[in-house]
Amino acid sequence: MGIGAFSQVVSKVCDFETIKRVSKRLPNQQEKERCAGFIFGIIFQVELGAGVIAASISTCSGSLNVPANCAANIGAFTGGLGVLLQSTLVYDANCLNKGKTPMDIIDAEERRS
């Protein structure tokens, strides 16, 4: 999924005005988390692109380009954090979809063991 695909989904999922107009209610927590998860997807794609460009500059230069190497590493680190945040939001939204919180699932796992 690229930036364009994420942007298309965000334009639909994050359209809170339509939710208010059609459903006659404010957006709920699950809808907000779903929107935030897709926004983190866009941020991750941008960071991934920046990291690839910086890594290319560092790799293709005749000698070690320390600033480009540093930029690539920072891009990889922040991109990893973006994936973690997106995964956490999507996990939480899926649990809420089933009427459970993450703590409910952890408690159920502990009772099984």
PDB file of N, CA and C in Angstrom:
ATOM      1  N   MET A   1       0.840  -1.167   0.000  1.00  0.00           N
ATOM      2  CA  MET A   1       0.000   0.000   0.000  1.00  0.00           C
ATOM      3  C   MET A   1       0.885   1.230   0.000  1.00  0.00           C
ATOM      4  N   GLY A   2       0.696   2.125  -0.912  1.00  0.00           N
ATOM      5  CA  GLY A   2       1.512   3.314  -0.973  1.00  0.00           C
ATOM      6  C   GLY A   2       0.800   4.525  -0.402  1.00  0.00           C
ATOM      7  N   ILE A   3       1.465   5.659  -0.545  1.00  0.00           N
ATOM      8  CA  ILE A   3       0.903   6.909  -0.026  1.00  0.00           C
ATOM      9  C   ILE A   3      -0.456   7.195  -0.659  1.00  0.00           C
ATOM     10  N   GLY A   4      -0.580   6.964  -1.961  1.00  0.00           N
ATOM     11  CA  GLY A   4      -1.846   7.224  -2.645  1.00  0.00           C
ATOM     12  C   GLY A   4      -2.983   6.380  -2.107  1.00  0.00           C
ATOM     13  N   ALA A   5      -2.713   5.113  -1.874  1.00  0.00           N
ATOM     14  CA  ALA A   5      -3.751   4.222  -1.355  1.00  0.00           C
ATOM     15  C   ALA A   5      -4.154   4.625   0.063  1.00  0.00           C
ATOM     16  N   PHE A   6      -3.150   4.910   0.907  1.00  0.00           N
ATOM     17  CA  PHE A   6      -3.460   5.356   2.269  1.00  0.00           C
ATOM     18  C   PHE A   6      -4.246   6.664   2.232  1.00  0.00           C
ATOM     19  N   SER A   7      -3.855   7.582   1.354  1.00  0.00           N
ATOM     20  CA  SER A   7      -4.544   8.872   1.272  1.00  0.00           C
ATOM     21  C   SER A   7      -6.000   8.693   0.863  1.00  0.00           C
ATOM     22  N   GLN A   8      -6.244   7.793  -0.062  1.00  0.00           N
ATOM     23  CA  GLN A   8      -7.612   7.535  -0.499  1.00  0.00           C
ATOM     24  C   GLN A   8      -8.455   6.981   0.644  1.00  0.00           C
ATOM     25  N   VAL A   9      -7.882   6.065   1.412  1.00  0.00           N
ATOM     26  CA  VAL A   9      -8.610   5.484   2.544  1.00  0.00           C
ATOM     27  C   VAL A   9      -8.843   6.538   3.628  1.00  0.00           C
ATOM     28  N   VAL A  10      -7.815   7.355   3.900  1.00  0.00           N
ATOM     29  CA  VAL A  10      -7.956   8.398   4.923  1.00  0.00           C
ATOM     30  C   VAL A  10      -9.056   9.377   4.554  1.00  0.00           C
ATOM     31  N   SER A  11      -9.166   9.713   3.266  1.00  0.00           N
ATOM     32  CA  SER A  11     -10.195  10.662   2.851  1.00  0.00           C
ATOM     33  C   SER A  11     -11.603  10.132   3.115  1.00  0.00           C
ATOM     34  N   LYS A  12     -11.753   8.828   3.167  1.00  0.00           N
ATOM     35  CA  LYS A  12     -13.071   8.235   3.453  1.00  0.00           C
ATOM     36  C   LYS A  12     -13.243   7.939   4.946  1.00  0.00           C
ATOM     37  N   VAL A  13     -12.245   7.310   5.544  1.00  0.00           N
ATOM     38  CA  VAL A  13     -12.350   6.881   6.936  1.00  0.00           C
ATOM     39  C   VAL A  13     -12.353   8.076   7.898  1.00  0.00           C
ATOM     40  N   CYS A  14     -11.638   9.124   7.565  1.00  0.00           N
ATOM     41  CA  CYS A  14     -11.518  10.284   8.450  1.00  0.00           C
ATOM     42  C   CYS A  14     -12.515  11.392   8.114  1.00  0.00           C
ATOM     43  N   ASP A  15     -13.524  11.093   7.343  1.00  0.00           N
ATOM     44  CA  ASP A  15     -14.543  12.087   6.987  1.00  0.00           C
ATOM     45  C   ASP A  15     -15.583  12.148   8.104  1.00  0.00           C
ATOM     46  N   PHE A  16     -15.221  12.816   9.196  1.00  0.00           N
ATOM     47  CA  PHE A  16     -16.082  12.867  10.368  1.00  0.00           C
ATOM     48  C   PHE A  16     -17.337  13.707  10.140  1.00  0.00           C
ATOM     49  N   GLU A  17     -17.267  14.650   9.220  1.00  0.00           N
ATOM     50  CA  GLU A  17     -18.451  15.454   8.918  1.00  0.00           C
ATOM     51  C   GLU A  17     -19.563  14.589   8.321  1.00  0.00           C
ATOM     52  N   THR A  18     -19.193  13.661   7.455  1.00  0.00           N
ATOM     53  CA  THR A  18     -20.192  12.754   6.884  1.00  0.00           C
ATOM     54  C   THR A  18     -20.774  11.844   7.958  1.00  0.00           C
ATOM     55  N   ILE A  19     -19.935  11.383   8.869  1.00  0.00           N
ATOM     56  CA  ILE A  19     -20.427  10.547   9.973  1.00  0.00           C
ATOM     57  C   ILE A  19     -21.440  11.324  10.796  1.00  0.00           C
ATOM     58  N   LYS A  20     -21.114  12.593  11.104  1.00  0.00           N
ATOM     59  CA  LYS A  20     -22.044  13.414  11.882  1.00  0.00           C
ATOM     60  C   LYS A  20     -23.361  13.619  11.131  1.00  0.00           C
ATOM     61  N   ARG A  21     -23.253  13.898   9.845  1.00  0.00           N
ATOM     62  CA  ARG A  21     -24.444  14.196   9.048  1.00  0.00           C
ATOM     63  C   ARG A  21     -25.314  12.962   8.844  1.00  0.00           C
ATOM     64  N   VAL A  22     -24.705  11.836   8.490  1.00  0.00           N
ATOM     65  CA  VAL A  22     -25.463  10.629   8.166  1.00  0.00           C
ATOM     66  C   VAL A  22     -25.944   9.914   9.428  1.00  0.00           C
ATOM     67  N   SER A  23     -25.053   9.744  10.392  1.00  0.00           N
ATOM     68  CA  SER A  23     -25.394   8.967  11.593  1.00  0.00           C
ATOM     69  C   SER A  23     -26.027   9.813  12.689  1.00  0.00           C
ATOM     70  N   LYS A  24     -25.981  11.132  12.543  1.00  0.00           N
ATOM     71  CA  LYS A  24     -26.546  12.050  13.554  1.00  0.00           C
ATOM     72  C   LYS A  24     -25.891  11.841  14.920  1.00  0.00           C
ATOM     73  N   ARG A  25     -24.580  11.617  14.886  1.00  0.00           N
ATOM     74  CA  ARG A  25     -23.816  11.432  16.121  1.00  0.00           C
ATOM     75  C   ARG A  25     -22.375  11.844  15.879  1.00  0.00           C
ATOM     76  N   LEU A  26     -21.644  12.010  16.962  1.00  0.00           N
ATOM     77  CA  LEU A  26     -20.219  12.305  16.850  1.00  0.00           C
ATOM     78  C   LEU A  26     -19.461  11.013  16.550  1.00  0.00           C
ATOM     79  N   PRO A  27     -18.290  11.110  15.928  1.00  0.00           N
ATOM     80  CA  PRO A  27     -17.482   9.897  15.677  1.00  0.00           C
ATOM     81  C   PRO A  27     -17.111   9.226  17.007  1.00  0.00           C
ATOM     82  N   ASN A  28     -17.151   7.907  17.029  1.00  0.00           N
ATOM     83  CA  ASN A  28     -16.794   7.194  18.255  1.00  0.00           C
ATOM     84  C   ASN A  28     -15.290   6.918  18.300  1.00  0.00           C
ATOM     85  N   GLN A  29     -14.853   6.352  19.406  1.00  0.00           N
ATOM     86  CA  GLN A  29     -13.421   6.106  19.613  1.00  0.00           C
ATOM     87  C   GLN A  29     -12.850   5.161  18.564  1.00  0.00           C
ATOM     88  N   GLN A  30     -13.591   4.148  18.186  1.00  0.00           N
ATOM     89  CA  GLN A  30     -13.104   3.186  17.201  1.00  0.00           C
ATOM     90  C   GLN A  30     -12.883   3.858  15.849  1.00  0.00           C
ATOM     91  N   GLU A  31     -13.784   4.732  15.442  1.00  0.00           N
ATOM     92  CA  GLU A  31     -13.626   5.435  14.167  1.00  0.00           C
ATOM     93  C   GLU A  31     -12.424   6.374  14.197  1.00  0.00           C
ATOM     94  N   LYS A  32     -12.198   7.014  15.329  1.00  0.00           N
ATOM     95  CA  LYS A  32     -11.033   7.899  15.469  1.00  0.00           C
ATOM     96  C   LYS A  32      -9.733   7.099  15.427  1.00  0.00           C
ATOM     97  N   GLU A  33      -9.722   5.930  16.089  1.00  0.00           N
ATOM     98  CA  GLU A  33      -8.517   5.098  16.084  1.00  0.00           C
ATOM     99  C   GLU A  33      -8.231   4.542  14.697  1.00  0.00           C
ATOM    100  N   ARG A  34      -9.269   4.161  13.985  1.00  0.00           N
ATOM    101  CA  ARG A  34      -9.090   3.665  12.618  1.00  0.00           C
ATOM    102  C   ARG A  34      -8.485   4.768  11.749  1.00  0.00           C
ATOM    103  N   CYS A  35      -8.992   5.978  11.883  1.00  0.00           N
ATOM    104  CA  CYS A  35      -8.461   7.118  11.128  1.00  0.00           C
ATOM    105  C   CYS A  35      -6.985   7.344  11.465  1.00  0.00           C
ATOM    106  N   ALA A  36      -6.672   7.358  12.757  1.00  0.00           N
ATOM    107  CA  ALA A  36      -5.282   7.580  13.177  1.00  0.00           C
ATOM    108  C   ALA A  36      -4.356   6.492  12.656  1.00  0.00           C
ATOM    109  N   GLY A  37      -4.834   5.248  12.631  1.00  0.00           N
ATOM    110  CA  GLY A  37      -4.012   4.149  12.115  1.00  0.00           C
ATOM    111  C   GLY A  37      -3.641   4.354  10.657  1.00  0.00           C
ATOM    112  N   PHE A  38      -4.594   4.802   9.842  1.00  0.00           N
ATOM    113  CA  PHE A  38      -4.293   5.040   8.434  1.00  0.00           C
ATOM    114  C   PHE A  38      -3.405   6.270   8.246  1.00  0.00           C
ATOM    115  N   ILE A  39      -3.554   7.280   9.101  1.00  0.00           N
ATOM    116  CA  ILE A  39      -2.665   8.451   9.029  1.00  0.00           C
ATOM    117  C   ILE A  39      -1.236   8.029   9.353  1.00  0.00           C
ATOM    118  N   PHE A  40      -1.074   7.162  10.345  1.00  0.00           N
ATOM    119  CA  PHE A  40       0.272   6.642  10.639  1.00  0.00           C
ATOM    120  C   PHE A  40       0.819   5.860   9.443  1.00  0.00           C
ATOM    121  N   GLY A  41      -0.047   5.217   8.666  1.00  0.00           N
ATOM    122  CA  GLY A  41       0.398   4.539   7.450  1.00  0.00           C
ATOM    123  C   GLY A  41       1.009   5.505   6.450  1.00  0.00           C
ATOM    124  N   ILE A  42       0.402   6.681   6.298  1.00  0.00           N
ATOM    125  CA  ILE A  42       0.959   7.710   5.405  1.00  0.00           C
ATOM    126  C   ILE A  42       2.309   8.178   5.917  1.00  0.00           C
ATOM    127  N   ILE A  43       2.383   8.439   7.215  1.00  0.00           N
ATOM    128  CA  ILE A  43       3.647   8.896   7.810  1.00  0.00           C
ATOM    129  C   ILE A  43       4.736   7.845   7.607  1.00  0.00           C
ATOM    130  N   PHE A  44       4.402   6.577   7.802  1.00  0.00           N
ATOM    131  CA  PHE A  44       5.373   5.504   7.608  1.00  0.00           C
ATOM    132  C   PHE A  44       5.866   5.465   6.172  1.00  0.00           C
ATOM    133  N   GLN A  45       4.964   5.617   5.206  1.00  0.00           N
ATOM    134  CA  GLN A  45       5.362   5.587   3.802  1.00  0.00           C
ATOM    135  C   GLN A  45       6.325   6.734   3.470  1.00  0.00           C
ATOM    136  N   VAL A  46       6.066   7.914   4.024  1.00  0.00           N
ATOM    137  CA  VAL A  46       6.966   9.058   3.793  1.00  0.00           C
ATOM    138  C   VAL A  46       8.331   8.786   4.417  1.00  0.00           C
ATOM    139  N   GLU A  47       8.342   8.271   5.645  1.00  0.00           N
ATOM    140  CA  GLU A  47       9.615   7.953   6.309  1.00  0.00           C
ATOM    141  C   GLU A  47      10.378   6.872   5.563  1.00  0.00           C
ATOM    142  N   LEU A  48       9.659   5.898   5.055  1.00  0.00           N
ATOM    143  CA  LEU A  48      10.292   4.833   4.279  1.00  0.00           C
ATOM    144  C   LEU A  48      10.945   5.402   3.027  1.00  0.00           C
ATOM    145  N   GLY A  49      10.244   6.285   2.343  1.00  0.00           N
ATOM    146  CA  GLY A  49      10.815   6.924   1.152  1.00  0.00           C
ATOM    147  C   GLY A  49      12.046   7.749   1.468  1.00  0.00           C
ATOM    148  N   ALA A  50      11.988   8.525   2.548  1.00  0.00           N
ATOM    149  CA  ALA A  50      13.146   9.331   2.946  1.00  0.00           C
ATOM    150  C   ALA A  50      14.332   8.441   3.317  1.00  0.00           C
ATOM    151  N   GLY A  51      14.063   7.345   4.014  1.00  0.00           N
ATOM    152  CA  GLY A  51      15.130   6.427   4.391  1.00  0.00           C
ATOM    153  C   GLY A  51      15.781   5.772   3.187  1.00  0.00           C
ATOM    154  N   VAL A  52      14.966   5.407   2.189  1.00  0.00           N
ATOM    155  CA  VAL A  52      15.505   4.780   0.972  1.00  0.00           C
ATOM    156  C   VAL A  52      16.370   5.773   0.204  1.00  0.00           C
ATOM    157  N   ILE A  53      15.919   7.005   0.100  1.00  0.00           N
ATOM    158  CA  ILE A  53      16.715   8.026  -0.604  1.00  0.00           C
ATOM    159  C   ILE A  53      18.028   8.270   0.125  1.00  0.00           C
ATOM    160  N   ALA A  54      17.963   8.416   1.459  1.00  0.00           N
ATOM    161  CA  ALA A  54      19.191   8.654   2.228  1.00  0.00           C
ATOM    162  C   ALA A  54      20.136   7.458   2.142  1.00  0.00           C
ATOM    163  N   ALA A  55      19.597   6.252   2.190  1.00  0.00           N
ATOM    164  CA  ALA A  55      20.445   5.060   2.077  1.00  0.00           C
ATOM    165  C   ALA A  55      21.088   4.976   0.698  1.00  0.00           C
ATOM    166  N   SER A  56      20.354   5.366  -0.328  1.00  0.00           N
ATOM    167  CA  SER A  56      20.919   5.366  -1.687  1.00  0.00           C
ATOM    168  C   SER A  56      22.062   6.355  -1.802  1.00  0.00           C
ATOM    169  N   ILE A  57      21.886   7.538  -1.222  1.00  0.00           N
ATOM    170  CA  ILE A  57      22.957   8.545  -1.266  1.00  0.00           C
ATOM    171  C   ILE A  57      24.188   8.025  -0.536  1.00  0.00           C
ATOM    172  N   SER A  58      23.968   7.411   0.620  1.00  0.00           N
ATOM    173  CA  SER A  58      25.089   6.906   1.407  1.00  0.00           C
ATOM    174  C   SER A  58      25.795   5.756   0.691  1.00  0.00           C
ATOM    175  N   THR A  59      25.021   4.852   0.101  1.00  0.00           N
ATOM    176  CA  THR A  59      25.595   3.671  -0.539  1.00  0.00           C
ATOM    177  C   THR A  59      26.270   4.001  -1.859  1.00  0.00           C
ATOM    178  N   CYS A  60      25.673   4.880  -2.638  1.00  0.00           N
ATOM    179  CA  CYS A  60      26.177   5.148  -3.984  1.00  0.00           C
ATOM    180  C   CYS A  60      27.319   6.153  -4.032  1.00  0.00           C
ATOM    181  N   SER A  61      27.609   6.833  -2.925  1.00  0.00           N
ATOM    182  CA  SER A  61      28.734   7.766  -2.948  1.00  0.00           C
ATOM    183  C   SER A  61      30.039   6.972  -2.900  1.00  0.00           C
ATOM    184  N   GLY A  62      31.103   7.586  -3.367  1.00  0.00           N
ATOM    185  CA  GLY A  62      32.397   6.902  -3.436  1.00  0.00           C
ATOM    186  C   GLY A  62      32.963   6.569  -2.072  1.00  0.00           C
ATOM    187  N   SER A  63      32.624   7.354  -1.053  1.00  0.00           N
ATOM    188  CA  SER A  63      33.114   7.097   0.295  1.00  0.00           C
ATOM    189  C   SER A  63      31.929   7.170   1.262  1.00  0.00           C
ATOM    190  N   LEU A  64      32.183   6.883   2.509  1.00  0.00           N
ATOM    191  CA  LEU A  64      31.115   6.905   3.500  1.00  0.00           C
ATOM    192  C   LEU A  64      30.587   8.324   3.655  1.00  0.00           C
ATOM    193  N   ASN A  65      29.304   8.484   3.442  1.00  0.00           N
ATOM    194  CA  ASN A  65      28.648   9.764   3.628  1.00  0.00           C
ATOM    195  C   ASN A  65      27.915   9.689   4.967  1.00  0.00           C
ATOM    196  N   VAL A  66      28.579  10.190   6.011  1.00  0.00           N
ATOM    197  CA  VAL A  66      28.064  10.041   7.371  1.00  0.00           C
ATOM    198  C   VAL A  66      26.696  10.698   7.549  1.00  0.00           C
ATOM    199  N   PRO A  67      26.474  11.934   7.079  1.00  0.00           N
ATOM    200  CA  PRO A  67      25.139  12.523   7.262  1.00  0.00           C
ATOM    201  C   PRO A  67      24.025  11.707   6.585  1.00  0.00           C
ATOM    202  N   ALA A  68      24.289  11.195   5.391  1.00  0.00           N
ATOM    203  CA  ALA A  68      23.275  10.398   4.702  1.00  0.00           C
ATOM    204  C   ALA A  68      23.037   9.077   5.425  1.00  0.00           C
ATOM    205  N   ASN A  69      24.117   8.472   5.921  1.00  0.00           N
ATOM    206  CA  ASN A  69      23.979   7.225   6.674  1.00  0.00           C
ATOM    207  C   ASN A  69      23.178   7.456   7.952  1.00  0.00           C
ATOM    208  N   CYS A  70      23.461   8.566   8.623  1.00  0.00           N
ATOM    209  CA  CYS A  70      22.728   8.917   9.844  1.00  0.00           C
ATOM    210  C   CYS A  70      21.250   9.156   9.525  1.00  0.00           C
ATOM    211  N   ALA A  71      20.971   9.866   8.438  1.00  0.00           N
ATOM    212  CA  ALA A  71      19.583  10.131   8.040  1.00  0.00           C
ATOM    213  C   ALA A  71      18.849   8.832   7.721  1.00  0.00           C
ATOM    214  N   ALA A  72      19.528   7.899   7.083  1.00  0.00           N
ATOM    215  CA  ALA A  72      18.897   6.611   6.769  1.00  0.00           C
ATOM    216  C   ALA A  72      18.566   5.843   8.039  1.00  0.00           C
ATOM    217  N   ASN A  73      19.481   5.874   9.004  1.00  0.00           N
ATOM    218  CA  ASN A  73      19.240   5.175  10.263  1.00  0.00           C
ATOM    219  C   ASN A  73      18.106   5.821  11.056  1.00  0.00           C
ATOM    220  N   ILE A  74      18.055   7.154  11.056  1.00  0.00           N
ATOM    221  CA  ILE A  74      16.963   7.842  11.746  1.00  0.00           C
ATOM    222  C   ILE A  74      15.636   7.511  11.071  1.00  0.00           C
ATOM    223  N   GLY A  75      15.631   7.483   9.739  1.00  0.00           N
ATOM    224  CA  GLY A  75      14.415   7.124   9.005  1.00  0.00           C
ATOM    225  C   GLY A  75      13.944   5.720   9.333  1.00  0.00           C
ATOM    226  N   ALA A  76      14.891   4.792   9.447  1.00  0.00           N
ATOM    227  CA  ALA A  76      14.528   3.409   9.789  1.00  0.00           C
ATOM    228  C   ALA A  76      13.971   3.325  11.209  1.00  0.00           C
ATOM    229  N   PHE A  77      14.574   4.053  12.132  1.00  0.00           N
ATOM    230  CA  PHE A  77      14.114   4.039  13.528  1.00  0.00           C
ATOM    231  C   PHE A  77      12.722   4.649  13.660  1.00  0.00           C
ATOM    232  N   THR A  78      12.528   5.838  13.087  1.00  0.00           N
ATOM    233  CA  THR A  78      11.219   6.484  13.202  1.00  0.00           C
ATOM    234  C   THR A  78      10.161   5.718  12.416  1.00  0.00           C
ATOM    235  N   GLY A  79      10.562   5.103  11.312  1.00  0.00           N
ATOM    236  CA  GLY A  79       9.625   4.263  10.567  1.00  0.00           C
ATOM    237  C   GLY A  79       9.180   3.064  11.384  1.00  0.00           C
ATOM    238  N   GLY A  80      10.108   2.469  12.103  1.00  0.00           N
ATOM    239  CA  GLY A  80       9.767   1.352  12.982  1.00  0.00           C
ATOM    240  C   GLY A  80       8.804   1.765  14.086  1.00  0.00           C
ATOM    241  N   LEU A  81       9.013   2.957  14.638  1.00  0.00           N
ATOM    242  CA  LEU A  81       8.076   3.459  15.646  1.00  0.00           C
ATOM    243  C   LEU A  81       6.697   3.688  15.042  1.00  0.00           C
ATOM    244  N   GLY A  82       6.679   4.178  13.799  1.00  0.00           N
ATOM    245  CA  GLY A  82       5.399   4.387  13.113  1.00  0.00           C
ATOM    246  C   GLY A  82       4.639   3.084  12.925  1.00  0.00           C
ATOM    247  N   VAL A  83       5.347   2.034  12.556  1.00  0.00           N
ATOM    248  CA  VAL A  83       4.711   0.720  12.388  1.00  0.00           C
ATOM    249  C   VAL A  83       4.174   0.224  13.729  1.00  0.00           C
ATOM    250  N   LEU A  84       4.945   0.410  14.789  1.00  0.00           N
ATOM    251  CA  LEU A  84       4.501  -0.005  16.121  1.00  0.00           C
ATOM    252  C   LEU A  84       3.236   0.745  16.529  1.00  0.00           C
ATOM    253  N   LEU A  85       3.214   2.060  16.323  1.00  0.00           N
ATOM    254  CA  LEU A  85       2.032   2.844  16.675  1.00  0.00           C
ATOM    255  C   LEU A  85       0.824   2.441  15.843  1.00  0.00           C
ATOM    256  N   GLN A  86       1.037   2.260  14.552  1.00  0.00           N
ATOM    257  CA  GLN A  86      -0.068   1.863  13.680  1.00  0.00           C
ATOM    258  C   GLN A  86      -0.604   0.492  14.089  1.00  0.00           C
ATOM    259  N   SER A  87       0.276  -0.440  14.367  1.00  0.00           N
ATOM    260  CA  SER A  87      -0.152  -1.781  14.770  1.00  0.00           C
ATOM    261  C   SER A  87      -0.930  -1.740  16.078  1.00  0.00           C
ATOM    262  N   THR A  88      -0.480  -0.920  17.013  1.00  0.00           N
ATOM    263  CA  THR A  88      -1.171  -0.802  18.295  1.00  0.00           C
ATOM    264  C   THR A  88      -2.571  -0.248  18.103  1.00  0.00           C
ATOM    265  N   LEU A  89      -2.706   0.786  17.284  1.00  0.00           N
ATOM    266  CA  LEU A  89      -4.030   1.365  17.044  1.00  0.00           C
ATOM    267  C   LEU A  89      -4.965   0.388  16.348  1.00  0.00           C
ATOM    268  N   VAL A  90      -4.464  -0.313  15.360  1.00  0.00           N
ATOM    269  CA  VAL A  90      -5.303  -1.263  14.629  1.00  0.00           C
ATOM    270  C   VAL A  90      -5.700  -2.429  15.543  1.00  0.00           C
ATOM    271  N   TYR A  91      -4.773  -2.902  16.357  1.00  0.00           N
ATOM    272  CA  TYR A  91      -5.080  -3.974  17.310  1.00  0.00           C
ATOM    273  C   TYR A  91      -6.170  -3.534  18.268  1.00  0.00           C
ATOM    274  N   ASP A  92      -6.026  -2.321  18.814  1.00  0.00           N
ATOM    275  CA  ASP A  92      -7.014  -1.808  19.750  1.00  0.00           C
ATOM    276  C   ASP A  92      -8.372  -1.644  19.075  1.00  0.00           C
ATOM    277  N   ALA A  93      -8.379  -1.126  17.845  1.00  0.00           N
ATOM    278  CA  ALA A  93      -9.648  -0.954  17.116  1.00  0.00           C
ATOM    279  C   ALA A  93     -10.310  -2.298  16.850  1.00  0.00           C
ATOM    280  N   ASN A  94      -9.531  -3.324  16.526  1.00  0.00           N
ATOM    281  CA  ASN A  94     -10.102  -4.655  16.287  1.00  0.00           C
ATOM    282  C   ASN A  94     -10.661  -5.260  17.567  1.00  0.00           C
ATOM    283  N   CYS A  95      -9.991  -5.026  18.680  1.00  0.00           N
ATOM    284  CA  CYS A  95     -10.506  -5.539  19.951  1.00  0.00           C
ATOM    285  C   CYS A  95     -11.808  -4.839  20.306  1.00  0.00           C
ATOM    286  N   LEU A  96     -11.867  -3.524  20.110  1.00  0.00           N
ATOM    287  CA  LEU A  96     -13.093  -2.787  20.397  1.00  0.00           C
ATOM    288  C   LEU A  96     -14.221  -3.249  19.496  1.00  0.00           C
ATOM    289  N   ASN A  97     -13.874  -3.641  18.279  1.00  0.00           N
ATOM    290  CA  ASN A  97     -14.874  -4.123  17.339  1.00  0.00           C
ATOM    291  C   ASN A  97     -15.555  -5.381  17.870  1.00  0.00           C
ATOM    292  N   LYS A  98     -14.828  -6.165  18.635  1.00  0.00           N
ATOM    293  CA  LYS A  98     -15.384  -7.390  19.200  1.00  0.00           C
ATOM    294  C   LYS A  98     -15.900  -7.165  20.617  1.00  0.00           C
ATOM    295  N   GLY A  99     -15.956  -5.895  21.055  1.00  0.00           N
ATOM    296  CA  GLY A  99     -16.471  -5.577  22.377  1.00  0.00           C
ATOM    297  C   GLY A  99     -15.511  -5.881  23.503  1.00  0.00           C
ATOM    298  N   LYS A 100     -14.227  -6.007  23.185  1.00  0.00           N
ATOM    299  CA  LYS A 100     -13.234  -6.324  24.195  1.00  0.00           C
ATOM    300  C   LYS A 100     -12.155  -5.251  24.199  1.00  0.00           C
ATOM    301  N   THR A 101     -11.547  -5.059  25.335  1.00  0.00           N
ATOM    302  CA  THR A 101     -10.385  -4.184  25.424  1.00  0.00           C
ATOM    303  C   THR A 101      -9.143  -5.068  25.410  1.00  0.00           C
ATOM    304  N   PRO A 102      -7.972  -4.501  25.138  1.00  0.00           N
ATOM    305  CA  PRO A 102      -6.747  -5.321  25.202  1.00  0.00           C
ATOM    306  C   PRO A 102      -6.561  -6.003  26.556  1.00  0.00           C
ATOM    307  N   MET A 103      -6.968  -5.328  27.649  1.00  0.00           N
ATOM    308  CA  MET A 103      -6.837  -5.935  28.972  1.00  0.00           C
ATOM    309  C   MET A 103      -7.744  -7.160  29.108  1.00  0.00           C
ATOM    310  N   ASP A 104      -8.935  -7.124  28.493  1.00  0.00           N
ATOM    311  CA  ASP A 104      -9.836  -8.286  28.520  1.00  0.00           C
ATOM    312  C   ASP A 104      -9.165  -9.499  27.879  1.00  0.00           C
ATOM    313  N   ILE A 105      -8.479  -9.287  26.779  1.00  0.00           N
ATOM    314  CA  ILE A 105      -7.811 -10.385  26.078  1.00  0.00           C
ATOM    315  C   ILE A 105      -6.647 -10.924  26.904  1.00  0.00           C
ATOM    316  N   ILE A 106      -5.873 -10.023  27.512  1.00  0.00           N
ATOM    317  CA  ILE A 106      -4.754 -10.459  28.353  1.00  0.00           C
ATOM    318  C   ILE A 106      -5.272 -11.259  29.540  1.00  0.00           C
ATOM    319  N   ASP A 107      -6.350 -10.775  30.183  1.00  0.00           N
ATOM    320  CA  ASP A 107      -6.925 -11.502  31.318  1.00  0.00           C
ATOM    321  C   ASP A 107      -7.422 -12.883  30.896  1.00  0.00           C
ATOM    322  N   ALA A 108      -8.060 -12.968  29.729  1.00  0.00           N
ATOM    323  CA  ALA A 108      -8.551 -14.260  29.246  1.00  0.00           C
ATOM    324  C   ALA A 108      -7.395 -15.228  28.993  1.00  0.00           C
ATOM    325  N   GLU A 109      -6.292 -14.731  28.432  1.00  0.00           N
ATOM    326  CA  GLU A 109      -5.119 -15.568  28.193  1.00  0.00           C
ATOM    327  C   GLU A 109      -4.531 -16.072  29.511  1.00  0.00           C
ATOM    328  N   GLU A 110      -4.485 -15.190  30.519  1.00  0.00           N
ATOM    329  CA  GLU A 110      -3.933 -15.594  31.810  1.00  0.00           C
ATOM    330  C   GLU A 110      -4.815 -16.640  32.484  1.00  0.00           C
ATOM    331  N   ARG A 111      -6.133 -16.536  32.321  1.00  0.00           N
ATOM    332  CA  ARG A 111      -7.045 -17.526  32.909  1.00  0.00           C
ATOM    333  C   ARG A 111      -6.894 -18.885  32.232  1.00  0.00           C
ATOM    334  N   ARG A 112      -6.576 -18.883  30.930  1.00  0.00           N
ATOM    335  CA  ARG A 112      -6.403 -20.152  30.213  1.00  0.00           C
ATOM    336  C   ARG A 112      -5.152 -20.900  30.636  1.00  0.00           C
ATOM    337  N   SER A 113      -4.126 -20.150  31.014  1.00  0.00           N
ATOM    338  CA  SER A 113      -2.846 -20.812  31.365  1.00  0.00           C
ATOM    339  C   SER A 113      -2.770 -21.196  32.817  1.00  0.00           C
TER     340      SER A 113
END
